[in-house]
Amino acid sequence: MMSKKHINVHKTDVEGEMACHKFRTKDFRRSFCDGPSVLSLVNVYCIIYLGLLIIEDDIQLGDFLRFIREGHVSYGNYKRFFDEETLTKVVNWPTTHGTMFASNTFRQKAAKLAQFIEVTGYVQKPNLVELARRYCEELDLPEDIFDCVRRLILRSPPGTNFTKTSKQIPNYEGRAMCYVIFVLKLLFGL
């Protein structure tokens, strides 16, 4: 049992210089380091993505990942946000060397973060008809194809609800694009 004096010395040891109870990296699990309670670059982008879903913006996850890939949103080079004198070990963020996360794992992390900060009730499902319209226009497809896609979405809407117990945020873009591809296969026999 630790004495009261020893506990008081620990309270004043803000630099962690006492050697009696040093933390080792194996004391922390990977789930803690990657969890929603730790502010990491991916969690910052998950907060932005959740914000885009909450305000029902036209920017979807694919657009957001494209912005990162094209360099419009910084992912691999966060050092430009700090002074030149700031050392990497002071910031305590690992260097990413241009690595990119996938849509599936990003949606899983965003779902964990939404459950952690308790905003699952505010996350809105985008309008799949408008999303399909956008994809048909980007693919320069005729208006008749979009009309078939719209009818199909309205006739059999997909179950894309995000709840408190969901493991990941549904792939809204994938669902909308599936309807477009299905109609193209159906009409052209692809």
C-alpha atoms as a PDB file:
ATOM      1  CA  MET A   1       0.000   0.000   0.000  1.00  0.00           C
ATOM      2  CA  MET A   2       1.314   3.437  -0.918  1.00  0.00           C
ATOM      3  CA  SER A   3       1.779   6.048   1.755  1.00  0.00           C
ATOM      4  CA  LYS A   4       0.019   9.394   1.695  1.00  0.00           C
ATOM      5  CA  LYS A   5       3.345  11.172   1.182  1.00  0.00           C
ATOM      6  CA  HIS A   6       4.138   8.979  -1.837  1.00  0.00           C
ATOM      7  CA  ILE A   7       0.705   9.724  -3.352  1.00  0.00           C
ATOM      8  CA  ASN A   8       1.228  13.479  -2.862  1.00  0.00           C
ATOM      9  CA  VAL A   9       4.590  13.273  -4.623  1.00  0.00           C
ATOM     10  CA  HIS A  10       2.828  11.583  -7.569  1.00  0.00           C
ATOM     11  CA  LYS A  11       0.275  14.391  -7.681  1.00  0.00           C
ATOM     12  CA  THR A  12       3.003  16.957  -8.177  1.00  0.00           C
ATOM     13  CA  ASP A  13       4.899  14.850 -10.741  1.00  0.00           C
ATOM     14  CA  VAL A  14       3.301  16.315 -13.849  1.00  0.00           C
ATOM     15  CA  GLU A  15       6.314  15.563 -16.054  1.00  0.00           C
ATOM     16  CA  GLY A  16       6.255  11.847 -15.218  1.00  0.00           C
ATOM     17  CA  GLU A  17       9.801  11.807 -13.893  1.00  0.00           C
ATOM     18  CA  MET A  18       9.165   9.348 -11.049  1.00  0.00           C
ATOM     19  CA  ALA A  19      10.513   5.929 -11.929  1.00  0.00           C
ATOM     20  CA  CYS A  20       8.500   3.873  -9.458  1.00  0.00           C
ATOM     21  CA  HIS A  21       5.344   3.525 -11.593  1.00  0.00           C
ATOM     22  CA  LYS A  22       6.392   4.159 -15.175  1.00  0.00           C
ATOM     23  CA  PHE A  23       3.893   3.313 -17.879  1.00  0.00           C
ATOM     24  CA  ARG A  24       5.092   1.072 -20.642  1.00  0.00           C
ATOM     25  CA  THR A  25       3.643   0.971 -24.135  1.00  0.00           C
ATOM     26  CA  LYS A  26       2.526  -2.624 -23.605  1.00  0.00           C
ATOM     27  CA  ASP A  27       0.300  -1.348 -20.769  1.00  0.00           C
ATOM     28  CA  PHE A  28      -1.951   0.276 -23.375  1.00  0.00           C
ATOM     29  CA  ARG A  29      -4.035  -1.759 -25.762  1.00  0.00           C
ATOM     30  CA  ARG A  30      -4.327  -0.894 -29.416  1.00  0.00           C
ATOM     31  CA  SER A  31      -8.081  -0.448 -28.976  1.00  0.00           C
ATOM     32  CA  PHE A  32      -7.361   2.404 -26.553  1.00  0.00           C
ATOM     33  CA  CYS A  33      -4.965   4.134 -28.926  1.00  0.00           C
ATOM     34  CA  ASP A  34      -7.332   3.763 -31.893  1.00  0.00           C
ATOM     35  CA  GLY A  35     -10.523   4.320 -29.899  1.00  0.00           C
ATOM     36  CA  PRO A  36     -12.888   7.248 -30.212  1.00  0.00           C
ATOM     37  CA  SER A  37     -11.654   8.857 -26.992  1.00  0.00           C
ATOM     38  CA  VAL A  38      -8.220   9.631 -28.469  1.00  0.00           C
ATOM     39  CA  LEU A  39      -7.970  12.601 -30.821  1.00  0.00           C
ATOM     40  CA  SER A  40      -6.269  11.247 -33.909  1.00  0.00           C
ATOM     41  CA  LEU A  41      -6.242  12.390 -37.514  1.00  0.00           C
ATOM     42  CA  VAL A  42      -8.777   9.757 -38.532  1.00  0.00           C
ATOM     43  CA  ASN A  43     -11.080  10.750 -35.650  1.00  0.00           C
ATOM     44  CA  VAL A  44     -10.866  14.404 -36.698  1.00  0.00           C
ATOM     45  CA  TYR A  45     -11.938  13.416 -40.218  1.00  0.00           C
ATOM     46  CA  CYS A  46     -14.687  11.200 -38.775  1.00  0.00           C
ATOM     47  CA  ILE A  47     -16.000  14.237 -36.888  1.00  0.00           C
ATOM     48  CA  ILE A  48     -16.010  16.210 -40.143  1.00  0.00           C
ATOM     49  CA  TYR A  49     -17.805  13.370 -41.948  1.00  0.00           C
ATOM     50  CA  LEU A  50     -20.395  13.099 -39.172  1.00  0.00           C
ATOM     51  CA  GLY A  51     -20.899  16.848 -39.374  1.00  0.00           C
ATOM     52  CA  LEU A  52     -21.504  16.582 -43.119  1.00  0.00           C
ATOM     53  CA  LEU A  53     -24.110  13.874 -42.520  1.00  0.00           C
ATOM     54  CA  ILE A  54     -25.792  15.833 -39.725  1.00  0.00           C
ATOM     55  CA  ILE A  55     -26.181  19.017 -41.768  1.00  0.00           C
ATOM     56  CA  GLU A  56     -27.226  16.937 -44.802  1.00  0.00           C
ATOM     57  CA  ASP A  57     -24.529  18.376 -47.047  1.00  0.00           C
ATOM     58  CA  ASP A  58     -24.082  17.251 -50.658  1.00  0.00           C
ATOM     59  CA  ILE A  59     -20.505  16.129 -49.954  1.00  0.00           C
ATOM     60  CA  GLN A  60     -20.439  12.369 -49.441  1.00  0.00           C
ATOM     61  CA  LEU A  61     -17.704  10.067 -48.153  1.00  0.00           C
ATOM     62  CA  GLY A  62     -16.387   9.336 -51.650  1.00  0.00           C
ATOM     63  CA  ASP A  63     -16.018  13.062 -52.292  1.00  0.00           C
ATOM     64  CA  PHE A  64     -14.299  13.530 -48.948  1.00  0.00           C
ATOM     65  CA  LEU A  65     -11.813  10.709 -49.636  1.00  0.00           C
ATOM     66  CA  ARG A  66     -11.194  12.154 -53.104  1.00  0.00           C
ATOM     67  CA  PHE A  67     -10.458  15.576 -51.550  1.00  0.00           C
ATOM     68  CA  ILE A  68      -7.882  13.887 -49.312  1.00  0.00           C
ATOM     69  CA  ARG A  69      -6.374  11.896 -52.191  1.00  0.00           C
ATOM     70  CA  GLU A  70      -6.118  15.000 -54.410  1.00  0.00           C
ATOM     71  CA  GLY A  71      -4.532  17.030 -51.613  1.00  0.00           C
ATOM     72  CA  HIS A  72      -7.386  19.501 -51.022  1.00  0.00           C
ATOM     73  CA  VAL A  73      -7.722  18.202 -47.458  1.00  0.00           C
ATOM     74  CA  SER A  74      -4.466  17.443 -45.690  1.00  0.00           C
ATOM     75  CA  TYR A  75      -4.114  13.915 -44.346  1.00  0.00           C
ATOM     76  CA  GLY A  76      -0.476  12.955 -44.611  1.00  0.00           C
ATOM     77  CA  ASN A  77       1.039  16.376 -43.931  1.00  0.00           C
ATOM     78  CA  TYR A  78      -0.329  17.777 -40.686  1.00  0.00           C
ATOM     79  CA  LYS A  79       2.889  19.582 -39.772  1.00  0.00           C
ATOM     80  CA  ARG A  80       1.899  22.655 -41.762  1.00  0.00           C
ATOM     81  CA  PHE A  81      -0.743  23.405 -39.132  1.00  0.00           C
ATOM     82  CA  PHE A  82       1.958  23.961 -36.492  1.00  0.00           C
ATOM     83  CA  ASP A  83       4.941  26.247 -36.138  1.00  0.00           C
ATOM     84  CA  GLU A  84       8.164  25.176 -37.773  1.00  0.00           C
ATOM     85  CA  GLU A  85       9.822  24.868 -34.353  1.00  0.00           C
ATOM     86  CA  THR A  86       7.257  22.312 -33.120  1.00  0.00           C
ATOM     87  CA  LEU A  87       8.790  18.864 -32.922  1.00  0.00           C
ATOM     88  CA  THR A  88       6.921  15.767 -34.084  1.00  0.00           C
ATOM     89  CA  LYS A  89       7.249  14.076 -30.706  1.00  0.00           C
ATOM     90  CA  VAL A  90       5.692  17.114 -28.999  1.00  0.00           C
ATOM     91  CA  VAL A  91       2.612  16.867 -31.220  1.00  0.00           C
ATOM     92  CA  ASN A  92       2.528  13.099 -30.555  1.00  0.00           C
ATOM     93  CA  TRP A  93       0.823  12.190 -33.827  1.00  0.00           C
ATOM     94  CA  PRO A  94       2.322   9.350 -35.841  1.00  0.00           C
ATOM     95  CA  THR A  95       3.571  10.089 -39.326  1.00  0.00           C
ATOM     96  CA  THR A  96       1.291   8.581 -41.946  1.00  0.00           C
ATOM     97  CA  HIS A  97       3.593   8.657 -44.986  1.00  0.00           C
ATOM     98  CA  GLY A  98       0.634   9.078 -47.323  1.00  0.00           C
ATOM     99  CA  THR A  99      -1.351   6.066 -46.164  1.00  0.00           C
ATOM    100  CA  MET A 100      -5.023   6.098 -46.993  1.00  0.00           C
ATOM    101  CA  PHE A 101      -7.871   4.483 -45.124  1.00  0.00           C
ATOM    102  CA  ALA A 102     -10.649   2.553 -46.825  1.00  0.00           C
ATOM    103  CA  SER A 103     -14.305   3.526 -46.923  1.00  0.00           C
ATOM    104  CA  ASN A 104     -15.443   0.504 -44.897  1.00  0.00           C
ATOM    105  CA  THR A 105     -13.048   1.001 -41.978  1.00  0.00           C
ATOM    106  CA  PHE A 106     -13.668   4.754 -42.036  1.00  0.00           C
ATOM    107  CA  ARG A 107     -17.432   4.212 -41.742  1.00  0.00           C
ATOM    108  CA  GLN A 108     -16.840   1.792 -38.844  1.00  0.00           C
ATOM    109  CA  LYS A 109     -14.679   4.322 -37.000  1.00  0.00           C
ATOM    110  CA  ALA A 110     -17.227   7.070 -37.665  1.00  0.00           C
ATOM    111  CA  ALA A 111     -20.004   4.871 -36.234  1.00  0.00           C
ATOM    112  CA  LYS A 112     -17.980   4.207 -33.057  1.00  0.00           C
ATOM    113  CA  LEU A 113     -17.277   7.902 -32.714  1.00  0.00           C
ATOM    114  CA  ALA A 114     -20.956   8.818 -33.248  1.00  0.00           C
ATOM    115  CA  GLN A 115     -21.942   6.366 -30.526  1.00  0.00           C
ATOM    116  CA  PHE A 116     -19.200   7.682 -28.232  1.00  0.00           C
ATOM    117  CA  ILE A 117     -20.263  11.328 -28.529  1.00  0.00           C
ATOM    118  CA  GLU A 118     -23.946  10.295 -28.643  1.00  0.00           C
ATOM    119  CA  VAL A 119     -24.987  11.908 -31.937  1.00  0.00           C
ATOM    120  CA  THR A 120     -26.443   8.821 -33.621  1.00  0.00           C
ATOM    121  CA  GLY A 121     -29.933  10.332 -33.522  1.00  0.00           C
ATOM    122  CA  TYR A 122     -28.765  13.381 -35.478  1.00  0.00           C
ATOM    123  CA  VAL A 123     -27.074  11.526 -38.346  1.00  0.00           C
ATOM    124  CA  GLN A 124     -29.357  11.917 -41.351  1.00  0.00           C
ATOM    125  CA  LYS A 125     -29.753   9.552 -44.271  1.00  0.00           C
ATOM    126  CA  PRO A 126     -29.079  11.404 -47.532  1.00  0.00           C
ATOM    127  CA  ASN A 127     -31.754  11.526 -50.202  1.00  0.00           C
ATOM    128  CA  LEU A 128     -30.890   8.497 -52.332  1.00  0.00           C
ATOM    129  CA  VAL A 129     -32.942   9.757 -55.275  1.00  0.00           C
ATOM    130  CA  GLU A 130     -30.928  12.984 -55.428  1.00  0.00           C
ATOM    131  CA  LEU A 131     -27.716  11.022 -54.954  1.00  0.00           C
ATOM    132  CA  ALA A 132     -28.661   8.742 -57.858  1.00  0.00           C
ATOM    133  CA  ARG A 133     -29.537  11.833 -59.946  1.00  0.00           C
ATOM    134  CA  ARG A 134     -26.091  13.238 -59.245  1.00  0.00           C
ATOM    135  CA  TYR A 135     -24.385   9.997 -60.282  1.00  0.00           C
ATOM    136  CA  CYS A 136     -26.461   9.747 -63.463  1.00  0.00           C
ATOM    137  CA  GLU A 137     -25.497  13.323 -64.352  1.00  0.00           C
ATOM    138  CA  GLU A 138     -21.809  12.672 -63.598  1.00  0.00           C
ATOM    139  CA  LEU A 139     -21.920   9.564 -65.810  1.00  0.00           C
ATOM    140  CA  ASP A 140     -23.730  11.604 -68.486  1.00  0.00           C
ATOM    141  CA  LEU A 141     -26.565   9.080 -68.683  1.00  0.00           C
ATOM    142  CA  PRO A 142     -29.885   9.924 -70.363  1.00  0.00           C
ATOM    143  CA  GLU A 143     -32.737  11.280 -68.243  1.00  0.00           C
ATOM    144  CA  ASP A 144     -34.790   8.134 -68.947  1.00  0.00           C
ATOM    145  CA  ILE A 145     -32.263   6.000 -67.105  1.00  0.00           C
ATOM    146  CA  PHE A 146     -32.489   8.239 -64.072  1.00  0.00           C
ATOM    147  CA  ASP A 147     -36.271   8.024 -64.271  1.00  0.00           C
ATOM    148  CA  CYS A 148     -36.029   4.210 -64.084  1.00  0.00           C
ATOM    149  CA  VAL A 149     -33.595   4.469 -61.151  1.00  0.00           C
ATOM    150  CA  ARG A 150     -35.905   6.895 -59.333  1.00  0.00           C
ATOM    151  CA  ARG A 151     -38.901   4.594 -59.783  1.00  0.00           C
ATOM    152  CA  LEU A 152     -36.905   1.618 -58.558  1.00  0.00           C
ATOM    153  CA  ILE A 153     -35.663   3.454 -55.441  1.00  0.00           C
ATOM    154  CA  LEU A 154     -39.160   4.682 -54.599  1.00  0.00           C
ATOM    155  CA  ARG A 155     -40.688   1.244 -55.223  1.00  0.00           C
ATOM    156  CA  SER A 156     -38.182  -0.701 -53.114  1.00  0.00           C
ATOM    157  CA  PRO A 157     -36.168   1.609 -50.841  1.00  0.00           C
ATOM    158  CA  PRO A 158     -33.062   0.118 -49.241  1.00  0.00           C
ATOM    159  CA  GLY A 159     -32.792  -0.333 -45.492  1.00  0.00           C
ATOM    160  CA  THR A 160     -30.074   2.188 -44.758  1.00  0.00           C
ATOM    161  CA  ASN A 161     -30.937   3.396 -41.280  1.00  0.00           C
ATOM    162  CA  PHE A 162     -28.162   4.216 -38.828  1.00  0.00           C
ATOM    163  CA  THR A 163     -29.062   3.360 -35.238  1.00  0.00           C
ATOM    164  CA  LYS A 164     -27.328   3.368 -31.857  1.00  0.00           C
ATOM    165  CA  THR A 165     -26.376  -0.292 -32.266  1.00  0.00           C
ATOM    166  CA  SER A 166     -25.128  -0.153 -35.872  1.00  0.00           C
ATOM    167  CA  LYS A 167     -21.590  -1.377 -36.399  1.00  0.00           C
ATOM    168  CA  GLN A 168     -20.937   1.098 -39.211  1.00  0.00           C
ATOM    169  CA  ILE A 169     -22.562   3.942 -41.057  1.00  0.00           C
ATOM    170  CA  PRO A 170     -24.404   2.533 -44.092  1.00  0.00           C
ATOM    171  CA  ASN A 171     -22.802   2.918 -47.499  1.00  0.00           C
ATOM    172  CA  TYR A 172     -25.289   5.387 -48.944  1.00  0.00           C
ATOM    173  CA  GLU A 173     -23.260   6.045 -52.077  1.00  0.00           C
ATOM    174  CA  GLY A 174     -22.855   2.363 -52.771  1.00  0.00           C
ATOM    175  CA  ARG A 175     -26.594   1.786 -52.475  1.00  0.00           C
ATOM    176  CA  ALA A 176     -27.426   4.630 -54.850  1.00  0.00           C
ATOM    177  CA  MET A 177     -24.820   3.454 -57.353  1.00  0.00           C
ATOM    178  CA  CYS A 178     -26.137  -0.125 -57.141  1.00  0.00           C
ATOM    179  CA  TYR A 179     -29.508   1.071 -58.387  1.00  0.00           C
ATOM    180  CA  VAL A 180     -27.852   2.847 -61.318  1.00  0.00           C
ATOM    181  CA  ILE A 181     -25.811  -0.227 -62.232  1.00  0.00           C
ATOM    182  CA  PHE A 182     -28.839  -2.510 -61.867  1.00  0.00           C
ATOM    183  CA  VAL A 183     -30.884  -0.370 -64.260  1.00  0.00           C
ATOM    184  CA  LEU A 184     -28.016  -0.275 -66.766  1.00  0.00           C
ATOM    185  CA  LYS A 185     -27.680  -4.069 -66.622  1.00  0.00           C
ATOM    186  CA  LEU A 186     -31.423  -4.506 -66.934  1.00  0.00           C
ATOM    187  CA  LEU A 187     -31.863  -2.147 -69.897  1.00  0.00           C
ATOM    188  CA  PHE A 188     -28.722  -2.995 -71.847  1.00  0.00           C
ATOM    189  CA  GLY A 189     -28.285  -6.638 -70.857  1.00  0.00           C
ATOM    190  CA  LEU A 190     -24.761  -6.041 -69.548  1.00  0.00           C
END
